[in-house]
Amino acid sequence: MKGWLILTFTLLTGFLLGVGAAVRGPGLVAPYLPKSISGRSERIEGEVLRKQREANRLLLKVATVQGPMLVTFTQKVAELDLLLEPGDAVTLITPGYASFIDDPILERVKRQGGAGVAPSPPPASTSSQDPSGKVVR
């Protein structure tokens, strides 16, 4: 009888700890996890309307389906300033739509009207070809 009592108490304790960890755990652990794996994120697509560079931050005005957003980047400012231009389509990962967003994850940038980068010319060779296709040195 004593063995069944210990077994029942152990199972109930484990069940209560499991339910408590499932309910309270994500809220307690989320501040210590990176934004990219926190679980509560949404992809928001929009178009960059305006860009303003300041000394240590980059401000973007982004038009989305939900409404306009002011996005502030404070990390990798110089790189993002070179990458982003008005008219670009961007995909941001954020906890949800908000009018003001600080340091979202920039998932994708797509240039308006194609790739935007011209293909590089073929390398110049030291020999020339005549019209018949033969190499002349």
N, C-alpha and C. Protein backbone atom coordinates (compact mmCIF):
# COMPACT_ATOMS: atom_id res chain seq x y z
N MET A 1 0.82 -1.20 0.00
CA MET A 1 0.00 0.00 0.00
C MET A 1 0.86 1.26 0.00
N LYS A 2 1.94 1.22 0.77
CA LYS A 2 2.80 2.38 0.87
C LYS A 2 3.46 2.67 -0.49
N GLY A 3 3.78 1.64 -1.27
CA GLY A 3 4.39 1.82 -2.59
C GLY A 3 3.44 2.53 -3.55
N TRP A 4 2.15 2.16 -3.51
CA TRP A 4 1.16 2.81 -4.39
C TRP A 4 0.98 4.28 -4.02
N LEU A 5 1.05 4.59 -2.76
CA LEU A 5 0.91 5.98 -2.31
C LEU A 5 2.09 6.83 -2.81
N ILE A 6 3.28 6.29 -2.72
CA ILE A 6 4.47 7.00 -3.20
C ILE A 6 4.39 7.18 -4.71
N LEU A 7 3.99 6.15 -5.44
CA LEU A 7 3.86 6.22 -6.89
C LEU A 7 2.82 7.26 -7.31
N THR A 8 1.68 7.27 -6.66
CA THR A 8 0.61 8.23 -6.97
C THR A 8 1.08 9.66 -6.68
N PHE A 9 1.72 9.86 -5.55
CA PHE A 9 2.21 11.19 -5.19
C PHE A 9 3.25 11.68 -6.20
N THR A 10 4.14 10.80 -6.63
CA THR A 10 5.18 11.15 -7.60
C THR A 10 4.56 11.51 -8.95
N LEU A 11 3.58 10.72 -9.41
CA LEU A 11 2.91 11.02 -10.69
C LEU A 11 2.15 12.35 -10.63
N LEU A 12 1.44 12.61 -9.56
CA LEU A 12 0.71 13.88 -9.43
C LEU A 12 1.66 15.07 -9.38
N THR A 13 2.77 14.93 -8.66
CA THR A 13 3.76 15.99 -8.59
C THR A 13 4.36 16.26 -9.96
N GLY A 14 4.69 15.21 -10.70
CA GLY A 14 5.23 15.37 -12.05
C GLY A 14 4.23 16.00 -13.00
N PHE A 15 2.97 15.61 -12.88
CA PHE A 15 1.92 16.19 -13.72
C PHE A 15 1.75 17.68 -13.42
N LEU A 16 1.70 18.05 -12.17
CA LEU A 16 1.55 19.46 -11.80
C LEU A 16 2.75 20.29 -12.23
N LEU A 17 3.96 19.75 -12.09
CA LEU A 17 5.15 20.47 -12.55
C LEU A 17 5.15 20.63 -14.07
N GLY A 18 4.71 19.60 -14.79
CA GLY A 18 4.65 19.68 -16.25
C GLY A 18 3.65 20.73 -16.72
N VAL A 19 2.48 20.75 -16.12
CA VAL A 19 1.46 21.75 -16.50
C VAL A 19 1.94 23.15 -16.13
N GLY A 20 2.54 23.29 -14.97
CA GLY A 20 3.06 24.60 -14.56
C GLY A 20 4.16 25.10 -15.47
N ALA A 21 5.05 24.21 -15.90
CA ALA A 21 6.12 24.61 -16.81
C ALA A 21 5.57 24.98 -18.18
N ALA A 22 4.54 24.27 -18.63
CA ALA A 22 3.95 24.59 -19.95
C ALA A 22 3.23 25.93 -19.92
N VAL A 23 2.60 26.25 -18.80
CA VAL A 23 1.82 27.50 -18.70
C VAL A 23 2.72 28.69 -18.40
N ARG A 24 3.59 28.55 -17.41
CA ARG A 24 4.42 29.67 -16.96
C ARG A 24 5.79 29.73 -17.61
N GLY A 25 6.30 28.63 -18.10
CA GLY A 25 7.66 28.54 -18.62
C GLY A 25 7.99 29.51 -19.72
N PRO A 26 7.19 29.59 -20.80
CA PRO A 26 7.55 30.50 -21.89
C PRO A 26 7.67 31.96 -21.46
N GLY A 27 6.82 32.40 -20.56
CA GLY A 27 6.90 33.77 -20.08
C GLY A 27 8.14 34.04 -19.24
N LEU A 28 8.60 33.03 -18.54
CA LEU A 28 9.79 33.19 -17.71
C LEU A 28 11.08 33.09 -18.51
N VAL A 29 11.07 32.29 -19.57
CA VAL A 29 12.29 32.04 -20.35
C VAL A 29 12.44 33.03 -21.50
N ALA A 30 11.36 33.58 -22.03
CA ALA A 30 11.39 34.44 -23.22
C ALA A 30 12.37 35.61 -23.13
N PRO A 31 12.50 36.30 -22.00
CA PRO A 31 13.46 37.42 -21.98
C PRO A 31 14.90 37.01 -22.19
N TYR A 32 15.22 35.74 -21.96
CA TYR A 32 16.60 35.27 -22.09
C TYR A 32 16.90 34.65 -23.44
N LEU A 33 15.90 34.50 -24.29
CA LEU A 33 16.09 33.91 -25.61
C LEU A 33 16.25 34.99 -26.67
N PRO A 34 16.97 34.71 -27.76
CA PRO A 34 17.06 35.68 -28.86
C PRO A 34 15.69 35.91 -29.48
N LYS A 35 15.52 37.08 -30.10
CA LYS A 35 14.24 37.42 -30.71
C LYS A 35 13.84 36.43 -31.80
N SER A 36 14.83 35.90 -32.51
CA SER A 36 14.53 35.04 -33.65
C SER A 36 13.90 33.71 -33.25
N ILE A 37 14.11 33.24 -32.03
CA ILE A 37 13.52 31.96 -31.63
C ILE A 37 12.53 32.11 -30.49
N SER A 38 12.11 33.31 -30.18
CA SER A 38 11.21 33.49 -29.06
C SER A 38 9.81 32.96 -29.34
N GLY A 39 9.47 32.74 -30.62
CA GLY A 39 8.19 32.11 -30.94
C GLY A 39 7.08 33.08 -31.26
N ARG A 40 7.05 34.23 -30.63
CA ARG A 40 5.98 35.18 -30.87
C ARG A 40 6.45 36.20 -31.90
N SER A 41 6.45 35.80 -33.16
CA SER A 41 6.90 36.73 -34.19
C SER A 41 5.99 36.64 -35.40
N GLU A 42 6.00 37.70 -36.16
CA GLU A 42 5.14 37.81 -37.32
C GLU A 42 5.95 38.44 -38.45
N ARG A 43 5.75 37.94 -39.66
CA ARG A 43 6.43 38.52 -40.83
C ARG A 43 5.55 39.64 -41.37
N ILE A 44 6.14 40.81 -41.48
CA ILE A 44 5.42 41.97 -42.00
C ILE A 44 6.14 42.43 -43.26
N GLU A 45 5.40 42.48 -44.35
CA GLU A 45 5.97 42.94 -45.62
C GLU A 45 5.52 44.36 -45.88
N GLY A 46 6.43 45.15 -46.44
CA GLY A 46 6.10 46.53 -46.74
C GLY A 46 7.10 47.13 -47.71
N GLU A 47 6.87 48.39 -48.02
CA GLU A 47 7.73 49.12 -48.94
C GLU A 47 8.36 50.29 -48.22
N VAL A 48 9.65 50.46 -48.43
CA VAL A 48 10.37 51.58 -47.82
C VAL A 48 9.96 52.86 -48.54
N LEU A 49 9.36 53.79 -47.80
CA LEU A 49 8.95 55.06 -48.39
C LEU A 49 10.03 56.12 -48.24
N ARG A 50 10.69 56.12 -47.08
CA ARG A 50 11.68 57.15 -46.81
C ARG A 50 12.75 56.58 -45.89
N LYS A 51 13.97 57.08 -46.05
CA LYS A 51 15.10 56.62 -45.25
C LYS A 51 15.84 57.84 -44.72
N GLN A 52 16.21 57.81 -43.44
CA GLN A 52 16.98 58.91 -42.84
C GLN A 52 18.08 58.32 -41.98
N ARG A 53 19.31 58.73 -42.25
CA ARG A 53 20.47 58.23 -41.50
C ARG A 53 20.88 59.28 -40.50
N GLU A 54 21.03 58.85 -39.27
CA GLU A 54 21.57 59.71 -38.23
C GLU A 54 22.88 59.07 -37.77
N ALA A 55 23.55 59.68 -36.83
CA ALA A 55 24.88 59.23 -36.44
C ALA A 55 24.91 57.77 -36.03
N ASN A 56 24.01 57.35 -35.17
CA ASN A 56 24.08 55.99 -34.66
C ASN A 56 22.78 55.21 -34.88
N ARG A 57 21.94 55.66 -35.80
CA ARG A 57 20.71 54.93 -36.08
C ARG A 57 20.21 55.23 -37.49
N LEU A 58 19.39 54.32 -37.99
CA LEU A 58 18.79 54.46 -39.30
C LEU A 58 17.28 54.39 -39.13
N LEU A 59 16.59 55.41 -39.64
CA LEU A 59 15.14 55.46 -39.55
C LEU A 59 14.54 55.14 -40.91
N LEU A 60 13.55 54.25 -40.93
CA LEU A 60 12.85 53.91 -42.16
C LEU A 60 11.37 54.12 -41.96
N LYS A 61 10.73 54.74 -42.95
CA LYS A 61 9.28 54.81 -42.97
C LYS A 61 8.82 53.73 -43.94
N VAL A 62 8.08 52.75 -43.42
CA VAL A 62 7.67 51.58 -44.19
C VAL A 62 6.15 51.55 -44.28
N ALA A 63 5.64 51.42 -45.50
CA ALA A 63 4.20 51.29 -45.72
C ALA A 63 3.85 49.82 -45.76
N THR A 64 2.93 49.39 -44.90
CA THR A 64 2.48 48.01 -44.84
C THR A 64 0.98 47.95 -45.06
N VAL A 65 0.46 46.74 -45.15
CA VAL A 65 -0.98 46.56 -45.32
C VAL A 65 -1.72 47.06 -44.07
N GLN A 66 -1.12 46.86 -42.89
CA GLN A 66 -1.75 47.29 -41.64
C GLN A 66 -1.69 48.80 -41.44
N GLY A 67 -0.72 49.46 -42.07
CA GLY A 67 -0.54 50.90 -41.91
C GLY A 67 0.93 51.25 -41.92
N PRO A 68 1.24 52.53 -41.78
CA PRO A 68 2.65 52.94 -41.82
C PRO A 68 3.38 52.57 -40.52
N MET A 69 4.69 52.34 -40.67
CA MET A 69 5.54 52.01 -39.52
C MET A 69 6.79 52.86 -39.58
N LEU A 70 7.28 53.27 -38.43
CA LEU A 70 8.59 53.90 -38.33
C LEU A 70 9.52 52.88 -37.69
N VAL A 71 10.47 52.40 -38.48
CA VAL A 71 11.38 51.34 -38.04
C VAL A 71 12.73 51.98 -37.74
N THR A 72 13.28 51.67 -36.57
CA THR A 72 14.57 52.20 -36.16
C THR A 72 15.57 51.06 -36.03
N PHE A 73 16.70 51.19 -36.75
CA PHE A 73 17.79 50.23 -36.63
C PHE A 73 18.94 50.92 -35.92
N THR A 74 19.48 50.26 -34.87
CA THR A 74 20.62 50.81 -34.15
C THR A 74 21.85 49.92 -34.28
N GLN A 75 21.71 48.76 -34.91
CA GLN A 75 22.83 47.86 -35.12
C GLN A 75 23.08 47.73 -36.62
N LYS A 76 24.33 47.64 -37.01
CA LYS A 76 24.75 47.55 -38.42
C LYS A 76 24.14 48.68 -39.25
N VAL A 77 24.23 49.88 -38.75
CA VAL A 77 23.61 51.04 -39.37
C VAL A 77 24.22 51.33 -40.74
N ALA A 78 25.54 51.33 -40.85
CA ALA A 78 26.19 51.65 -42.12
C ALA A 78 25.84 50.63 -43.20
N GLU A 79 25.83 49.34 -42.83
CA GLU A 79 25.51 48.30 -43.80
C GLU A 79 24.07 48.40 -44.29
N LEU A 80 23.15 48.63 -43.35
CA LEU A 80 21.75 48.76 -43.74
C LEU A 80 21.50 50.02 -44.56
N ASP A 81 22.25 51.08 -44.28
CA ASP A 81 22.11 52.30 -45.06
C ASP A 81 22.50 52.06 -46.51
N LEU A 82 23.53 51.26 -46.73
CA LEU A 82 23.93 50.94 -48.10
C LEU A 82 22.95 49.98 -48.77
N LEU A 83 22.38 49.08 -48.00
CA LEU A 83 21.50 48.05 -48.55
C LEU A 83 20.12 48.57 -48.93
N LEU A 84 19.54 49.40 -48.09
CA LEU A 84 18.14 49.81 -48.26
C LEU A 84 18.02 51.13 -49.01
N GLU A 85 17.05 51.19 -49.89
CA GLU A 85 16.74 52.41 -50.64
C GLU A 85 15.23 52.60 -50.66
N PRO A 86 14.75 53.84 -50.79
CA PRO A 86 13.31 54.05 -50.94
C PRO A 86 12.80 53.30 -52.17
N GLY A 87 11.65 52.64 -52.00
CA GLY A 87 11.07 51.85 -53.08
C GLY A 87 11.33 50.36 -52.92
N ASP A 88 12.26 49.97 -52.05
CA ASP A 88 12.56 48.55 -51.84
C ASP A 88 11.42 47.89 -51.07
N ALA A 89 11.15 46.64 -51.40
CA ALA A 89 10.20 45.83 -50.64
C ALA A 89 10.98 45.08 -49.57
N VAL A 90 10.53 45.17 -48.32
CA VAL A 90 11.23 44.53 -47.21
C VAL A 90 10.29 43.59 -46.47
N THR A 91 10.88 42.58 -45.86
CA THR A 91 10.15 41.69 -44.97
C THR A 91 10.82 41.77 -43.61
N LEU A 92 10.05 42.17 -42.61
CA LEU A 92 10.55 42.34 -41.24
C LEU A 92 9.92 41.28 -40.34
N ILE A 93 10.69 40.78 -39.40
CA ILE A 93 10.16 39.86 -38.39
C ILE A 93 10.05 40.65 -37.09
N THR A 94 8.81 40.80 -36.63
CA THR A 94 8.53 41.59 -35.43
C THR A 94 7.53 40.82 -34.56
N PRO A 95 7.39 41.21 -33.29
CA PRO A 95 6.39 40.56 -32.44
C PRO A 95 4.96 40.81 -32.93
N GLY A 96 4.75 41.81 -33.74
CA GLY A 96 3.43 42.15 -34.27
C GLY A 96 3.48 43.55 -34.83
N TYR A 97 2.39 43.98 -35.45
CA TYR A 97 2.38 45.32 -36.02
C TYR A 97 2.37 46.36 -34.90
N ALA A 98 3.15 47.40 -35.09
CA ALA A 98 3.16 48.56 -34.20
C ALA A 98 3.61 49.75 -35.03
N SER A 99 3.23 50.93 -34.63
CA SER A 99 3.62 52.13 -35.37
C SER A 99 5.11 52.41 -35.25
N PHE A 100 5.70 52.05 -34.12
CA PHE A 100 7.12 52.28 -33.88
C PHE A 100 7.78 50.95 -33.52
N ILE A 101 8.79 50.57 -34.29
CA ILE A 101 9.49 49.30 -34.08
C ILE A 101 10.98 49.60 -33.93
N ASP A 102 11.59 49.02 -32.90
CA ASP A 102 13.03 49.16 -32.68
C ASP A 102 13.74 47.85 -32.99
N ASP A 103 14.75 47.91 -33.84
CA ASP A 103 15.62 46.79 -34.20
C ASP A 103 14.88 45.49 -34.52
N PRO A 104 14.02 45.51 -35.54
CA PRO A 104 13.42 44.24 -35.97
C PRO A 104 14.45 43.42 -36.75
N ILE A 105 14.11 42.19 -37.02
CA ILE A 105 14.97 41.35 -37.85
C ILE A 105 14.60 41.61 -39.30
N LEU A 106 15.58 41.98 -40.10
CA LEU A 106 15.35 42.23 -41.52
C LEU A 106 15.58 40.91 -42.24
N GLU A 107 14.48 40.30 -42.69
CA GLU A 107 14.59 38.98 -43.31
C GLU A 107 14.91 39.05 -44.79
N ARG A 108 14.31 40.00 -45.51
CA ARG A 108 14.48 40.02 -46.97
C ARG A 108 14.35 41.44 -47.49
N VAL A 109 15.14 41.75 -48.52
CA VAL A 109 15.05 43.01 -49.24
C VAL A 109 14.94 42.68 -50.71
N LYS A 110 13.96 43.27 -51.37
CA LYS A 110 13.79 43.05 -52.80
C LYS A 110 13.73 44.40 -53.49
N ARG A 111 14.61 44.59 -54.47
CA ARG A 111 14.65 45.84 -55.21
C ARG A 111 13.40 46.00 -56.05
N GLN A 112 12.94 47.21 -56.16
CA GLN A 112 11.79 47.52 -57.00
C GLN A 112 12.22 47.48 -58.45
N GLY A 113 11.54 46.72 -59.29
CA GLY A 113 11.82 46.70 -60.72
C GLY A 113 12.97 45.79 -61.11
N GLY A 114 13.19 44.69 -60.40
CA GLY A 114 14.22 43.74 -60.82
C GLY A 114 15.36 43.66 -59.85
N ALA A 115 16.41 43.06 -60.32
CA ALA A 115 17.57 42.81 -59.46
C ALA A 115 18.30 44.09 -59.09
N GLY A 116 18.34 45.06 -60.00
CA GLY A 116 18.98 46.32 -59.68
C GLY A 116 20.48 46.33 -59.83
N VAL A 117 21.07 45.20 -60.13
CA VAL A 117 22.51 45.11 -60.29
C VAL A 117 22.79 44.63 -61.71
N ALA A 118 23.59 45.38 -62.43
CA ALA A 118 23.93 44.99 -63.80
C ALA A 118 24.93 43.85 -63.76
N PRO A 119 24.82 42.88 -64.68
CA PRO A 119 25.80 41.80 -64.70
C PRO A 119 27.18 42.33 -65.06
N SER A 120 28.20 41.72 -64.49
CA SER A 120 29.55 42.18 -64.75
C SER A 120 29.97 41.75 -66.15
N PRO A 121 30.79 42.55 -66.83
CA PRO A 121 31.24 42.17 -68.17
C PRO A 121 32.20 41.00 -68.08
N PRO A 122 32.31 40.20 -69.17
CA PRO A 122 33.24 39.07 -69.15
C PRO A 122 34.67 39.58 -69.04
N PRO A 123 35.56 38.78 -68.46
CA PRO A 123 36.94 39.23 -68.29
C PRO A 123 37.61 39.42 -69.65
N ALA A 124 38.45 40.43 -69.72
CA ALA A 124 39.17 40.71 -70.96
C ALA A 124 40.30 39.71 -71.12
N SER A 125 40.46 39.17 -72.33
CA SER A 125 41.53 38.21 -72.57
C SER A 125 42.69 38.91 -73.27
N THR A 126 43.85 38.30 -73.19
CA THR A 126 45.03 38.90 -73.80
C THR A 126 45.10 38.62 -75.29
N SER A 127 44.39 37.61 -75.74
CA SER A 127 44.39 37.30 -77.17
C SER A 127 43.09 37.80 -77.80
N SER A 128 43.13 38.03 -79.09
CA SER A 128 41.94 38.50 -79.78
C SER A 128 41.47 37.44 -80.75
N GLN A 129 40.20 37.53 -81.13
CA GLN A 129 39.65 36.58 -82.08
C GLN A 129 39.32 37.31 -83.37
N ASP A 130 39.56 36.65 -84.49
CA ASP A 130 39.12 37.25 -85.75
C ASP A 130 37.67 36.79 -85.99
N PRO A 131 36.97 37.37 -86.97
CA PRO A 131 35.56 37.07 -87.18
C PRO A 131 35.26 35.58 -87.43
N SER A 132 36.20 34.79 -87.89
CA SER A 132 35.93 33.38 -88.15
C SER A 132 35.96 32.54 -86.88
N GLY A 133 36.35 33.14 -85.73
CA GLY A 133 36.34 32.43 -84.47
C GLY A 133 37.69 31.87 -84.09
N LYS A 134 38.71 32.06 -84.90
CA LYS A 134 40.06 31.56 -84.61
C LYS A 134 40.78 32.55 -83.70
N VAL A 135 41.57 32.03 -82.82
CA VAL A 135 42.33 32.87 -81.88
C VAL A 135 43.60 33.34 -82.58
N VAL A 136 43.80 34.66 -82.52
CA VAL A 136 44.99 35.28 -83.12
C VAL A 136 45.82 35.82 -81.98
N ARG A 137 47.13 35.46 -81.96
CA ARG A 137 48.00 35.93 -80.87
C ARG A 137 48.99 36.93 -81.36
